[in-house]
């Protein structure tokens, strides 16, 4: 057993020796046991930190040709694995989901690997490493890059709020563009293959809207949609067209009676004619004091209507209007100016 005095003396001698060596730089920094505040364990920690740092210097970097990492079937993923310059000639390996890829899954040329995209299952986390020939070991794995495989955009569908496609001046046209039953992020509307500007059409979500002001707004309308997947924008082909027909508003008709004065006696027949310039009406409707007349009240003969005066109640203000079918849409005219029918007393 060493006495307490001996231990104190040993400590003093050790401290003096250590201080003497340290002041004169006789002790290297890696001799931890001889440096105050250091021990063999700190030397071990320093060793592993140095090993980790050196391994990090050997870690390769992997890059994709498409910065967003998004691809569609038919495209090719090109990956570049970059190692420190002295290892550029080594053999490189590529991995997906931690599993090494081999031909025909991947084609390699040096540090470049190419994958032909066929299915969504080819998406995932890709990494690379290389063989360090001089040490007969593999380098650390690179950081992972993410690859997403998405389906290409289908041809969109365009539809009109007016099924017949017929509009008149003052009406609003709403075109809806959808793709695969979903609303795209952006849409573009074309008329006769010309892209419409924001001055010509207002787009919101998947709907384009404009007000009809002129017949030249008729034509074949198509749409194209754009969708973003992880920052990469995809553009569809043009949709099949829909035809927009801008019709002139129907001219107001004129109504007349067979007696210029419009005065009839009970028992006489009133014959009214509803005419329109340059247009042949499909159907004509007659009104008395703003109320429509039925077939029981008046007899139709082409664009003539007739009824027999039964009493003074048959007098009043008579008007007419008509309908015209354009491409399946029945347009209706305004009421004509009135004509007065007076029933004279017996």
C-alpha atoms as a PDB file:
ATOM      1  CA  UNK A   1       0.000   0.000   0.000  1.00  0.00           C
ATOM      2  CA  UNK A   2       1.227   3.478  -0.905  1.00  0.00           C
ATOM      3  CA  UNK A   3       0.958   5.969   1.905  1.00  0.00           C
ATOM      4  CA  UNK A   4      -1.008   9.174   1.515  1.00  0.00           C
ATOM      5  CA  UNK A   5       2.244  11.115   1.524  1.00  0.00           C
ATOM      6  CA  UNK A   6       3.536   8.920  -1.304  1.00  0.00           C
ATOM      7  CA  UNK A   7       0.417   9.545  -3.416  1.00  0.00           C
ATOM      8  CA  UNK A   8       0.675  13.305  -2.916  1.00  0.00           C
ATOM      9  CA  UNK A   9       4.342  13.212  -3.888  1.00  0.00           C
ATOM     10  CA  UNK A  10       3.555  11.096  -6.979  1.00  0.00           C
ATOM     11  CA  UNK A  11       0.890  13.586  -8.057  1.00  0.00           C
ATOM     12  CA  UNK A  12       3.234  16.551  -7.645  1.00  0.00           C
ATOM     13  CA  UNK A  13       6.005  14.876  -9.615  1.00  0.00           C
ATOM     14  CA  UNK A  14       3.576  13.847 -12.400  1.00  0.00           C
ATOM     15  CA  UNK A  15       2.135  17.349 -12.681  1.00  0.00           C
ATOM     16  CA  UNK A  16       5.608  18.908 -12.843  1.00  0.00           C
ATOM     17  CA  UNK A  17       6.730  16.470 -15.534  1.00  0.00           C
ATOM     18  CA  UNK A  18       3.563  16.981 -17.555  1.00  0.00           C
ATOM     19  CA  UNK A  19       3.860  20.761 -17.308  1.00  0.00           C
ATOM     20  CA  UNK A  20       7.542  20.624 -18.304  1.00  0.00           C
ATOM     21  CA  UNK A  21       6.777  18.481 -21.388  1.00  0.00           C
ATOM     22  CA  UNK A  22       3.741  20.540 -22.435  1.00  0.00           C
ATOM     23  CA  UNK A  23       5.519  23.899 -22.131  1.00  0.00           C
ATOM     24  CA  UNK A  24       8.410  22.679 -24.302  1.00  0.00           C
ATOM     25  CA  UNK A  25       6.071  20.989 -26.851  1.00  0.00           C
ATOM     26  CA  UNK A  26       7.620  17.647 -26.073  1.00  0.00           C
ATOM     27  CA  UNK A  27       4.157  15.941 -26.052  1.00  0.00           C
ATOM     28  CA  UNK A  28       2.092  15.497 -29.233  1.00  0.00           C
ATOM     29  CA  UNK A  29      -1.599  16.321 -29.116  1.00  0.00           C
ATOM     30  CA  UNK A  30      -2.576  12.738 -29.819  1.00  0.00           C
ATOM     31  CA  UNK A  31      -0.898  11.560 -26.573  1.00  0.00           C
ATOM     32  CA  UNK A  32      -4.075  12.222 -24.609  1.00  0.00           C
ATOM     33  CA  UNK A  33      -3.049  10.499 -21.402  1.00  0.00           C
ATOM     34  CA  UNK A  34      -0.241  12.995 -20.859  1.00  0.00           C
ATOM     35  CA  UNK A  35      -2.375  16.107 -21.513  1.00  0.00           C
ATOM     36  CA  UNK A  36      -4.434  17.694 -18.782  1.00  0.00           C
ATOM     37  CA  UNK A  37      -8.170  17.129 -19.268  1.00  0.00           C
ATOM     38  CA  UNK A  38      -7.555  14.292 -21.760  1.00  0.00           C
ATOM     39  CA  UNK A  39      -7.732  10.526 -21.362  1.00  0.00           C
ATOM     40  CA  UNK A  40      -7.514   7.343 -23.414  1.00  0.00           C
ATOM     41  CA  UNK A  41     -11.296   7.473 -23.955  1.00  0.00           C
ATOM     42  CA  UNK A  42     -11.150  10.937 -25.552  1.00  0.00           C
ATOM     43  CA  UNK A  43      -8.501   9.605 -27.927  1.00  0.00           C
ATOM     44  CA  UNK A  44     -10.918   6.825 -28.947  1.00  0.00           C
ATOM     45  CA  UNK A  45     -13.711   9.322 -29.582  1.00  0.00           C
ATOM     46  CA  UNK A  46     -11.397  11.466 -31.681  1.00  0.00           C
ATOM     47  CA  UNK A  47     -10.382   8.420 -33.710  1.00  0.00           C
ATOM     48  CA  UNK A  48     -13.974   7.539 -34.592  1.00  0.00           C
ATOM     49  CA  UNK A  49     -14.783  11.157 -35.489  1.00  0.00           C
ATOM     50  CA  UNK A  50     -11.829  11.145 -37.876  1.00  0.00           C
ATOM     51  CA  UNK A  51     -12.966   7.865 -39.442  1.00  0.00           C
ATOM     52  CA  UNK A  52     -16.522   9.210 -39.861  1.00  0.00           C
ATOM     53  CA  UNK A  53     -15.232  12.410 -41.459  1.00  0.00           C
ATOM     54  CA  UNK A  54     -13.061  10.492 -43.910  1.00  0.00           C
ATOM     55  CA  UNK A  55     -15.962   8.225 -44.848  1.00  0.00           C
ATOM     56  CA  UNK A  56     -18.136  11.274 -45.469  1.00  0.00           C
ATOM     57  CA  UNK A  57     -15.479  12.536 -47.871  1.00  0.00           C
ATOM     58  CA  UNK A  58     -15.823   9.276 -49.782  1.00  0.00           C
ATOM     59  CA  UNK A  59     -19.644   9.445 -49.963  1.00  0.00           C
ATOM     60  CA  UNK A  60     -20.795   9.965 -53.563  1.00  0.00           C
ATOM     61  CA  UNK A  61     -23.522  12.355 -54.723  1.00  0.00           C
ATOM     62  CA  UNK A  62     -26.454  11.294 -56.902  1.00  0.00           C
ATOM     63  CA  UNK A  63     -28.332  13.641 -59.214  1.00  0.00           C
ATOM     64  CA  UNK A  64     -31.319  13.290 -61.538  1.00  0.00           C
ATOM     65  CA  UNK A  65     -31.624  14.848 -64.979  1.00  0.00           C
ATOM     66  CA  UNK A  66     -35.123  16.008 -63.976  1.00  0.00           C
ATOM     67  CA  UNK A  67     -34.770  18.307 -60.966  1.00  0.00           C
ATOM     68  CA  UNK A  68     -38.334  17.685 -59.776  1.00  0.00           C
ATOM     69  CA  UNK A  69     -37.834  13.915 -59.856  1.00  0.00           C
ATOM     70  CA  UNK A  70     -41.164  13.453 -61.691  1.00  0.00           C
ATOM     71  CA  UNK A  71     -41.404  11.259 -64.794  1.00  0.00           C
ATOM     72  CA  UNK A  72     -44.098   9.676 -66.953  1.00  0.00           C
ATOM     73  CA  UNK A  73     -44.041   6.242 -68.623  1.00  0.00           C
ATOM     74  CA  UNK A  74     -41.967   6.351 -71.791  1.00  0.00           C
ATOM     75  CA  UNK A  75     -39.399   8.795 -70.409  1.00  0.00           C
ATOM     76  CA  UNK A  76     -35.875   7.864 -69.283  1.00  0.00           C
ATOM     77  CA  UNK A  77     -34.463   8.527 -65.823  1.00  0.00           C
ATOM     78  CA  UNK A  78     -30.811   9.507 -66.073  1.00  0.00           C
ATOM     79  CA  UNK A  79     -28.896   9.372 -62.772  1.00  0.00           C
ATOM     80  CA  UNK A  80     -25.358  10.623 -62.293  1.00  0.00           C
ATOM     81  CA  UNK A  81     -23.288   9.252 -59.402  1.00  0.00           C
ATOM     82  CA  UNK A  82     -20.334  11.521 -58.627  1.00  0.00           C
ATOM     83  CA  UNK A  83     -17.402  10.311 -56.492  1.00  0.00           C
ATOM     84  CA  UNK A  84     -14.163  12.099 -55.469  1.00  0.00           C
ATOM     85  CA  UNK A  85     -11.971  12.621 -58.527  1.00  0.00           C
ATOM     86  CA  UNK A  86      -9.501   9.847 -57.652  1.00  0.00           C
ATOM     87  CA  UNK A  87     -12.361   7.313 -57.645  1.00  0.00           C
ATOM     88  CA  UNK A  88     -14.123   8.353 -60.851  1.00  0.00           C
ATOM     89  CA  UNK A  89     -12.959   5.198 -62.638  1.00  0.00           C
ATOM     90  CA  UNK A  90     -14.337   2.818 -60.019  1.00  0.00           C
ATOM     91  CA  UNK A  91     -17.336   0.528 -60.509  1.00  0.00           C
ATOM     92  CA  UNK A  92     -20.626   2.231 -59.554  1.00  0.00           C
ATOM     93  CA  UNK A  93     -23.811   0.623 -58.278  1.00  0.00           C
ATOM     94  CA  UNK A  94     -27.344   2.017 -58.160  1.00  0.00           C
ATOM     95  CA  UNK A  95     -30.116   1.101 -55.729  1.00  0.00           C
ATOM     96  CA  UNK A  96     -33.881   1.578 -55.458  1.00  0.00           C
ATOM     97  CA  UNK A  97     -35.435   1.172 -52.044  1.00  0.00           C
ATOM     98  CA  UNK A  98     -32.133  -0.241 -50.763  1.00  0.00           C
ATOM     99  CA  UNK A  99     -32.025  -3.020 -53.395  1.00  0.00           C
ATOM    100  CA  UNK A 100     -29.259  -3.051 -55.968  1.00  0.00           C
ATOM    101  CA  UNK A 101     -30.388  -2.582 -59.575  1.00  0.00           C
ATOM    102  CA  UNK A 102     -28.984  -4.805 -62.281  1.00  0.00           C
ATOM    103  CA  UNK A 103     -29.497  -5.108 -66.032  1.00  0.00           C
ATOM    104  CA  UNK A 104     -32.151  -4.952 -67.514  1.00  0.00           C
ATOM    105  CA  UNK A 105     -33.508  -2.797 -64.673  1.00  0.00           C
ATOM    106  CA  UNK A 106     -30.786  -0.254 -65.346  1.00  0.00           C
ATOM    107  CA  UNK A 107     -28.138   0.466 -67.957  1.00  0.00           C
ATOM    108  CA  UNK A 108     -24.810   1.787 -66.648  1.00  0.00           C
ATOM    109  CA  UNK A 109     -21.890   3.597 -68.177  1.00  0.00           C
ATOM    110  CA  UNK A 110     -19.347   4.675 -65.605  1.00  0.00           C
ATOM    111  CA  UNK A 111     -21.144   6.790 -63.031  1.00  0.00           C
ATOM    112  CA  UNK A 112     -24.267   7.252 -65.172  1.00  0.00           C
ATOM    113  CA  UNK A 113     -27.288   4.986 -64.855  1.00  0.00           C
ATOM    114  CA  UNK A 114     -30.386   5.109 -67.068  1.00  0.00           C
ATOM    115  CA  UNK A 115     -33.777   3.592 -66.338  1.00  0.00           C
ATOM    116  CA  UNK A 116     -36.568   3.374 -68.924  1.00  0.00           C
ATOM    117  CA  UNK A 117     -39.811   4.303 -67.166  1.00  0.00           C
ATOM    118  CA  UNK A 118     -42.548   1.760 -67.786  1.00  0.00           C
ATOM    119  CA  UNK A 119     -44.707   1.590 -64.647  1.00  0.00           C
ATOM    120  CA  UNK A 120     -45.453   3.721 -61.540  1.00  0.00           C
ATOM    121  CA  UNK A 121     -43.713   1.038 -59.443  1.00  0.00           C
ATOM    122  CA  UNK A 122     -40.373   2.395 -60.695  1.00  0.00           C
ATOM    123  CA  UNK A 123     -40.797   5.416 -58.462  1.00  0.00           C
ATOM    124  CA  UNK A 124     -39.056   5.428 -55.090  1.00  0.00           C
ATOM    125  CA  UNK A 125     -35.818   6.343 -53.319  1.00  0.00           C
ATOM    126  CA  UNK A 126     -32.666   5.970 -55.444  1.00  0.00           C
ATOM    127  CA  UNK A 127     -29.070   5.852 -54.120  1.00  0.00           C
ATOM    128  CA  UNK A 128     -25.621   4.943 -55.397  1.00  0.00           C
ATOM    129  CA  UNK A 129     -22.169   3.889 -54.183  1.00  0.00           C
ATOM    130  CA  UNK A 130     -18.916   2.649 -55.723  1.00  0.00           C
ATOM    131  CA  UNK A 131     -16.248   0.041 -55.154  1.00  0.00           C
ATOM    132  CA  UNK A 132     -13.000   1.331 -53.617  1.00  0.00           C
ATOM    133  CA  UNK A 133     -10.569  -1.073 -55.276  1.00  0.00           C
ATOM    134  CA  UNK A 134      -7.543  -0.104 -53.204  1.00  0.00           C
ATOM    135  CA  UNK A 135      -9.287  -1.081 -49.967  1.00  0.00           C
ATOM    136  CA  UNK A 136     -11.549  -3.836 -51.360  1.00  0.00           C
ATOM    137  CA  UNK A 137     -14.585  -2.147 -49.806  1.00  0.00           C
ATOM    138  CA  UNK A 138     -17.698  -0.289 -50.988  1.00  0.00           C
ATOM    139  CA  UNK A 139     -18.061   3.422 -50.363  1.00  0.00           C
ATOM    140  CA  UNK A 140     -20.828   4.751 -48.146  1.00  0.00           C
ATOM    141  CA  UNK A 141     -24.256   5.134 -49.764  1.00  0.00           C
ATOM    142  CA  UNK A 142     -25.140   8.490 -51.273  1.00  0.00           C
ATOM    143  CA  UNK A 143     -28.039  10.489 -49.947  1.00  0.00           C
ATOM    144  CA  UNK A 144     -31.333   9.369 -51.524  1.00  0.00           C
ATOM    145  CA  UNK A 145     -33.159  11.156 -54.341  1.00  0.00           C
ATOM    146  CA  UNK A 146     -36.899  10.690 -54.766  1.00  0.00           C
ATOM    147  CA  UNK A 147     -38.421   9.605 -58.091  1.00  0.00           C
ATOM    148  CA  UNK A 148     -42.179   9.907 -58.738  1.00  0.00           C
ATOM    149  CA  UNK A 149     -43.788   8.212 -61.741  1.00  0.00           C
ATOM    150  CA  UNK A 150     -47.153   9.666 -62.735  1.00  0.00           C
ATOM    151  CA  UNK A 151     -49.532   8.927 -65.583  1.00  0.00           C
ATOM    152  CA  UNK A 152     -49.460  11.395 -68.506  1.00  0.00           C
ATOM    153  CA  UNK A 153     -52.400  13.745 -68.898  1.00  0.00           C
ATOM    154  CA  UNK A 154     -55.199  12.356 -71.020  1.00  0.00           C
ATOM    155  CA  UNK A 155     -56.867  14.440 -73.712  1.00  0.00           C
ATOM    156  CA  UNK A 156     -59.318  16.738 -71.891  1.00  0.00           C
ATOM    157  CA  UNK A 157     -63.040  17.104 -72.531  1.00  0.00           C
ATOM    158  CA  UNK A 158     -64.693  20.455 -73.207  1.00  0.00           C
ATOM    159  CA  UNK A 159     -68.385  21.107 -72.759  1.00  0.00           C
ATOM    160  CA  UNK A 160     -70.801  24.039 -73.022  1.00  0.00           C
ATOM    161  CA  UNK A 161     -73.506  25.155 -70.610  1.00  0.00           C
ATOM    162  CA  UNK A 162     -75.811  25.428 -73.643  1.00  0.00           C
ATOM    163  CA  UNK A 163     -76.025  21.932 -75.117  1.00  0.00           C
ATOM    164  CA  UNK A 164     -77.001  23.137 -78.596  1.00  0.00           C
ATOM    165  CA  UNK A 165     -74.028  25.520 -78.723  1.00  0.00           C
ATOM    166  CA  UNK A 166     -76.282  28.366 -79.893  1.00  0.00           C
ATOM    167  CA  UNK A 167     -76.047  31.768 -78.191  1.00  0.00           C
ATOM    168  CA  UNK A 168     -77.289  35.254 -78.934  1.00  0.00           C
ATOM    169  CA  UNK A 169     -75.688  38.605 -78.209  1.00  0.00           C
ATOM    170  CA  UNK A 170     -75.728  39.512 -74.526  1.00  0.00           C
ATOM    171  CA  UNK A 171     -75.683  35.914 -73.299  1.00  0.00           C
ATOM    172  CA  UNK A 172     -72.772  34.366 -71.379  1.00  0.00           C
ATOM    173  CA  UNK A 173     -70.896  31.318 -72.659  1.00  0.00           C
ATOM    174  CA  UNK A 174     -69.464  28.933 -70.036  1.00  0.00           C
ATOM    175  CA  UNK A 175     -66.959  26.334 -71.217  1.00  0.00           C
ATOM    176  CA  UNK A 176     -65.887  23.577 -68.814  1.00  0.00           C
ATOM    177  CA  UNK A 177     -62.588  21.716 -69.306  1.00  0.00           C
ATOM    178  CA  UNK A 178     -62.022  18.434 -67.443  1.00  0.00           C
ATOM    179  CA  UNK A 179     -59.402  15.685 -67.687  1.00  0.00           C
ATOM    180  CA  UNK A 180     -59.927  12.154 -66.372  1.00  0.00           C
ATOM    181  CA  UNK A 181     -63.008  13.458 -64.594  1.00  0.00           C
ATOM    182  CA  UNK A 182     -60.894  15.869 -62.512  1.00  0.00           C
ATOM    183  CA  UNK A 183     -60.339  19.607 -62.550  1.00  0.00           C
ATOM    184  CA  UNK A 184     -56.867  20.611 -63.810  1.00  0.00           C
ATOM    185  CA  UNK A 185     -54.740  23.277 -62.130  1.00  0.00           C
ATOM    186  CA  UNK A 186     -54.864  25.573 -65.160  1.00  0.00           C
ATOM    187  CA  UNK A 187     -56.709  25.684 -68.460  1.00  0.00           C
ATOM    188  CA  UNK A 188     -56.262  27.439 -71.781  1.00  0.00           C
ATOM    189  CA  UNK A 189     -59.096  28.038 -74.238  1.00  0.00           C
ATOM    190  CA  UNK A 190     -58.602  28.183 -78.009  1.00  0.00           C
ATOM    191  CA  UNK A 191     -60.964  29.417 -80.728  1.00  0.00           C
ATOM    192  CA  UNK A 192     -60.247  28.124 -84.214  1.00  0.00           C
ATOM    193  CA  UNK A 193     -56.753  27.072 -82.984  1.00  0.00           C
ATOM    194  CA  UNK A 194     -55.949  30.572 -81.631  1.00  0.00           C
ATOM    195  CA  UNK A 195     -55.225  30.906 -77.895  1.00  0.00           C
ATOM    196  CA  UNK A 196     -57.664  33.323 -76.263  1.00  0.00           C
ATOM    197  CA  UNK A 197     -56.191  36.024 -74.038  1.00  0.00           C
ATOM    198  CA  UNK A 198     -57.486  37.188 -70.668  1.00  0.00           C
ATOM    199  CA  UNK A 199     -59.137  40.104 -72.504  1.00  0.00           C
ATOM    200  CA  UNK A 200     -61.190  37.640 -74.545  1.00  0.00           C
ATOM    201  CA  UNK A 201     -62.098  35.079 -71.894  1.00  0.00           C
ATOM    202  CA  UNK A 202     -62.012  34.822 -68.096  1.00  0.00           C
ATOM    203  CA  UNK A 203     -60.806  31.506 -66.678  1.00  0.00           C
ATOM    204  CA  UNK A 204     -61.395  30.345 -63.126  1.00  0.00           C
ATOM    205  CA  UNK A 205     -60.356  26.851 -62.070  1.00  0.00           C
ATOM    206  CA  UNK A 206     -61.617  24.704 -64.964  1.00  0.00           C
ATOM    207  CA  UNK A 207     -64.237  27.095 -66.413  1.00  0.00           C
ATOM    208  CA  UNK A 208     -63.805  29.715 -69.120  1.00  0.00           C
ATOM    209  CA  UNK A 209     -66.421  32.477 -69.438  1.00  0.00           C
ATOM    210  CA  UNK A 210     -67.099  35.218 -71.963  1.00  0.00           C
ATOM    211  CA  UNK A 211     -70.054  37.402 -72.914  1.00  0.00           C
ATOM    212  CA  UNK A 212     -71.284  37.294 -76.491  1.00  0.00           C
ATOM    213  CA  UNK A 213     -70.948  40.698 -78.101  1.00  0.00           C
ATOM    214  CA  UNK A 214     -70.480  39.845 -81.770  1.00  0.00           C
ATOM    215  CA  UNK A 215     -71.160  37.050 -84.215  1.00  0.00           C
ATOM    216  CA  UNK A 216     -67.412  36.619 -84.863  1.00  0.00           C
ATOM    217  CA  UNK A 217     -67.165  34.961 -81.435  1.00  0.00           C
ATOM    218  CA  UNK A 218     -68.672  31.854 -82.947  1.00  0.00           C
ATOM    219  CA  UNK A 219     -66.336  29.042 -83.985  1.00  0.00           C
ATOM    220  CA  UNK A 220     -64.676  25.810 -82.869  1.00  0.00           C
ATOM    221  CA  UNK A 221     -63.555  25.948 -79.244  1.00  0.00           C
ATOM    222  CA  UNK A 222     -60.958  23.620 -77.698  1.00  0.00           C
ATOM    223  CA  UNK A 223     -59.191  23.517 -74.354  1.00  0.00           C
ATOM    224  CA  UNK A 224     -55.818  22.452 -73.043  1.00  0.00           C
ATOM    225  CA  UNK A 225     -55.091  21.773 -69.387  1.00  0.00           C
ATOM    226  CA  UNK A 226     -51.998  21.999 -67.204  1.00  0.00           C
ATOM    227  CA  UNK A 227     -51.336  20.130 -63.954  1.00  0.00           C
ATOM    228  CA  UNK A 228     -48.391  20.362 -61.542  1.00  0.00           C
ATOM    229  CA  UNK A 229     -46.927  17.234 -59.911  1.00  0.00           C
ATOM    230  CA  UNK A 230     -44.244  17.984 -57.295  1.00  0.00           C
ATOM    231  CA  UNK A 231     -43.295  21.164 -59.123  1.00  0.00           C
ATOM    232  CA  UNK A 232     -43.218  19.755 -62.665  1.00  0.00           C
ATOM    233  CA  UNK A 233     -45.902  21.055 -65.012  1.00  0.00           C
ATOM    234  CA  UNK A 234     -47.554  18.740 -67.509  1.00  0.00           C
ATOM    235  CA  UNK A 235     -49.553  19.973 -70.485  1.00  0.00           C
ATOM    236  CA  UNK A 236     -52.281  17.987 -72.221  1.00  0.00           C
ATOM    237  CA  UNK A 237     -53.104  17.805 -75.889  1.00  0.00           C
ATOM    238  CA  UNK A 238     -55.959  19.908 -77.243  1.00  0.00           C
ATOM    239  CA  UNK A 239     -59.450  18.596 -76.592  1.00  0.00           C
ATOM    240  CA  UNK A 240     -61.831  17.705 -79.371  1.00  0.00           C
ATOM    241  CA  UNK A 241     -63.783  20.837 -80.392  1.00  0.00           C
ATOM    242  CA  UNK A 242     -67.226  22.113 -79.528  1.00  0.00           C
ATOM    243  CA  UNK A 243     -69.022  24.412 -81.948  1.00  0.00           C
ATOM    244  CA  UNK A 244     -70.307  27.759 -80.723  1.00  0.00           C
ATOM    245  CA  UNK A 245     -72.879  29.438 -82.982  1.00  0.00           C
ATOM    246  CA  UNK A 246     -73.676  33.082 -82.353  1.00  0.00           C
ATOM    247  CA  UNK A 247     -77.119  33.854 -83.782  1.00  0.00           C
ATOM    248  CA  UNK A 248     -78.575  37.263 -84.398  1.00  0.00           C
ATOM    249  CA  UNK A 249     -81.404  38.079 -81.983  1.00  0.00           C
ATOM    250  CA  UNK A 250     -84.766  37.404 -83.569  1.00  0.00           C
ATOM    251  CA  UNK A 251     -86.337  40.474 -85.080  1.00  0.00           C
ATOM    252  CA  UNK A 252     -89.597  41.641 -83.577  1.00  0.00           C
ATOM    253  CA  UNK A 253     -92.658  40.644 -85.642  1.00  0.00           C
ATOM    254  CA  UNK A 254     -95.442  42.901 -86.902  1.00  0.00           C
ATOM    255  CA  UNK A 255     -99.123  42.202 -86.347  1.00  0.00           C
ATOM    256  CA  UNK A 256    -101.954  43.492 -88.517  1.00  0.00           C
ATOM    257  CA  UNK A 257    -105.694  42.931 -88.922  1.00  0.00           C
ATOM    258  CA  UNK A 258    -107.708  42.652 -92.123  1.00  0.00           C
ATOM    259  CA  UNK A 259    -109.632  45.859 -91.324  1.00  0.00           C
ATOM    260  CA  UNK A 260    -107.406  48.862 -91.186  1.00  0.00           C
ATOM    261  CA  UNK A 261    -109.535  50.644 -88.600  1.00  0.00           C
ATOM    262  CA  UNK A 262    -109.664  47.520 -86.444  1.00  0.00           C
ATOM    263  CA  UNK A 263    -113.418  47.901 -85.853  1.00  0.00           C
ATOM    264  CA  UNK A 264    -115.632  44.796 -86.049  1.00  0.00           C
ATOM    265  CA  UNK A 265    -119.229  43.875 -85.404  1.00  0.00           C
ATOM    266  CA  UNK A 266    -120.470  40.878 -83.477  1.00  0.00           C
ATOM    267  CA  UNK A 267    -120.586  37.892 -85.842  1.00  0.00           C
ATOM    268  CA  UNK A 268    -117.801  39.138 -88.081  1.00  0.00           C
ATOM    269  CA  UNK A 269    -114.469  37.323 -88.423  1.00  0.00           C
ATOM    270  CA  UNK A 270    -111.237  38.947 -87.321  1.00  0.00           C
ATOM    271  CA  UNK A 271    -108.218  37.880 -89.387  1.00  0.00           C
ATOM    272  CA  UNK A 272    -104.763  38.731 -87.975  1.00  0.00           C
ATOM    273  CA  UNK A 273    -101.413  38.298 -89.674  1.00  0.00           C
ATOM    274  CA  UNK A 274     -98.005  38.021 -87.910  1.00  0.00           C
ATOM    275  CA  UNK A 275     -95.097  38.743 -90.259  1.00  0.00           C
ATOM    276  CA  UNK A 276     -91.297  38.889 -89.960  1.00  0.00           C
ATOM    277  CA  UNK A 277     -88.827  40.259 -92.505  1.00  0.00           C
ATOM    278  CA  UNK A 278     -86.517  37.675 -94.146  1.00  0.00           C
ATOM    279  CA  UNK A 279     -87.509  34.940 -91.673  1.00  0.00           C
ATOM    280  CA  UNK A 280     -90.038  32.170 -91.757  1.00  0.00           C
ATOM    281  CA  UNK A 281     -91.241  31.531 -88.197  1.00  0.00           C
ATOM    282  CA  UNK A 282     -91.538  27.961 -86.959  1.00  0.00           C
ATOM    283  CA  UNK A 283     -94.387  28.707 -84.534  1.00  0.00           C
ATOM    284  CA  UNK A 284     -96.486  31.819 -83.966  1.00  0.00           C
ATOM    285  CA  UNK A 285     -98.217  32.707 -80.726  1.00  0.00           C
ATOM    286  CA  UNK A 286    -100.955  35.330 -80.249  1.00  0.00           C
ATOM    287  CA  UNK A 287    -101.739  37.322 -77.120  1.00  0.00           C
ATOM    288  CA  UNK A 288    -104.727  39.403 -76.023  1.00  0.00           C
ATOM    289  CA  UNK A 289    -104.075  41.933 -73.307  1.00  0.00           C
ATOM    290  CA  UNK A 290    -100.743  40.142 -72.536  1.00  0.00           C
ATOM    291  CA  UNK A 291    -102.479  36.773 -72.078  1.00  0.00           C
ATOM    292  CA  UNK A 292    -101.708  33.920 -74.532  1.00  0.00           C
ATOM    293  CA  UNK A 293    -104.597  32.727 -76.700  1.00  0.00           C
ATOM    294  CA  UNK A 294    -105.302  28.993 -76.932  1.00  0.00           C
ATOM    295  CA  UNK A 295    -106.340  27.021 -79.988  1.00  0.00           C
ATOM    296  CA  UNK A 296    -109.913  27.126 -78.662  1.00  0.00           C
ATOM    297  CA  UNK A 297    -109.928  30.901 -78.857  1.00  0.00           C
ATOM    298  CA  UNK A 298    -108.255  31.390 -82.214  1.00  0.00           C
ATOM    299  CA  UNK A 299    -107.726  29.318 -85.381  1.00  0.00           C
ATOM    300  CA  UNK A 300    -104.259  29.165 -86.948  1.00  0.00           C
ATOM    301  CA  UNK A 301    -103.773  29.153 -90.731  1.00  0.00           C
ATOM    302  CA  UNK A 302    -100.054  29.493 -91.520  1.00  0.00           C
ATOM    303  CA  UNK A 303     -99.085  32.921 -90.234  1.00  0.00           C
ATOM    304  CA  UNK A 304    -102.740  33.984 -90.160  1.00  0.00           C
ATOM    305  CA  UNK A 305    -105.023  33.695 -87.178  1.00  0.00           C
ATOM    306  CA  UNK A 306    -108.786  34.117 -87.207  1.00  0.00           C
ATOM    307  CA  UNK A 307    -111.644  34.182 -84.738  1.00  0.00           C
ATOM    308  CA  UNK A 308    -115.298  35.071 -84.891  1.00  0.00           C
ATOM    309  CA  UNK A 309    -116.492  37.959 -82.768  1.00  0.00           C
ATOM    310  CA  UNK A 310    -119.025  36.674 -80.265  1.00  0.00           C
ATOM    311  CA  UNK A 311    -119.358  39.686 -77.992  1.00  0.00           C
ATOM    312  CA  UNK A 312    -117.757  42.955 -77.080  1.00  0.00           C
ATOM    313  CA  UNK A 313    -115.337  41.141 -74.748  1.00  0.00           C
ATOM    314  CA  UNK A 314    -113.429  40.001 -77.850  1.00  0.00           C
ATOM    315  CA  UNK A 315    -112.089  43.517 -78.234  1.00  0.00           C
ATOM    316  CA  UNK A 316    -108.668  44.404 -76.808  1.00  0.00           C
ATOM    317  CA  UNK A 317    -104.960  44.793 -77.559  1.00  0.00           C
ATOM    318  CA  UNK A 318    -103.537  41.945 -79.650  1.00  0.00           C
ATOM    319  CA  UNK A 319     -99.867  41.032 -80.088  1.00  0.00           C
ATOM    320  CA  UNK A 320     -97.837  38.148 -81.512  1.00  0.00           C
ATOM    321  CA  UNK A 321     -94.423  36.552 -81.196  1.00  0.00           C
ATOM    322  CA  UNK A 322     -92.728  33.584 -82.805  1.00  0.00           C
ATOM    323  CA  UNK A 323     -90.057  30.923 -82.326  1.00  0.00           C
ATOM    324  CA  UNK A 324     -87.256  29.878 -84.636  1.00  0.00           C
ATOM    325  CA  UNK A 325     -85.131  26.741 -84.186  1.00  0.00           C
ATOM    326  CA  UNK A 326     -81.384  27.150 -84.815  1.00  0.00           C
ATOM    327  CA  UNK A 327     -79.256  24.032 -84.488  1.00  0.00           C
ATOM    328  CA  UNK A 328     -81.779  22.513 -82.095  1.00  0.00           C
ATOM    329  CA  UNK A 329     -82.272  25.563 -79.868  1.00  0.00           C
ATOM    330  CA  UNK A 330     -85.686  27.236 -80.017  1.00  0.00           C
ATOM    331  CA  UNK A 331     -85.186  31.000 -79.952  1.00  0.00           C
ATOM    332  CA  UNK A 332     -88.139  33.213 -79.083  1.00  0.00           C
ATOM    333  CA  UNK A 333     -88.785  36.712 -80.340  1.00  0.00           C
ATOM    334  CA  UNK A 334     -90.049  39.693 -78.394  1.00  0.00           C
ATOM    335  CA  UNK A 335     -93.742  40.537 -78.555  1.00  0.00           C
ATOM    336  CA  UNK A 336     -94.816  42.668 -81.463  1.00  0.00           C
ATOM    337  CA  UNK A 337     -96.201  46.139 -81.035  1.00  0.00           C
ATOM    338  CA  UNK A 338     -99.943  45.860 -80.270  1.00  0.00           C
ATOM    339  CA  UNK A 339    -102.868  46.326 -82.568  1.00  0.00           C
ATOM    340  CA  UNK A 340    -106.258  47.346 -81.149  1.00  0.00           C
ATOM    341  CA  UNK A 341    -109.441  45.481 -82.012  1.00  0.00           C
ATOM    342  CA  UNK A 342    -112.662  47.354 -81.258  1.00  0.00           C
ATOM    343  CA  UNK A 343    -116.067  45.594 -81.196  1.00  0.00           C
ATOM    344  CA  UNK A 344    -118.825  47.999 -82.112  1.00  0.00           C
ATOM    345  CA  UNK A 345    -122.159  47.631 -80.371  1.00  0.00           C
ATOM    346  CA  UNK A 346    -125.102  45.982 -82.199  1.00  0.00           C
END
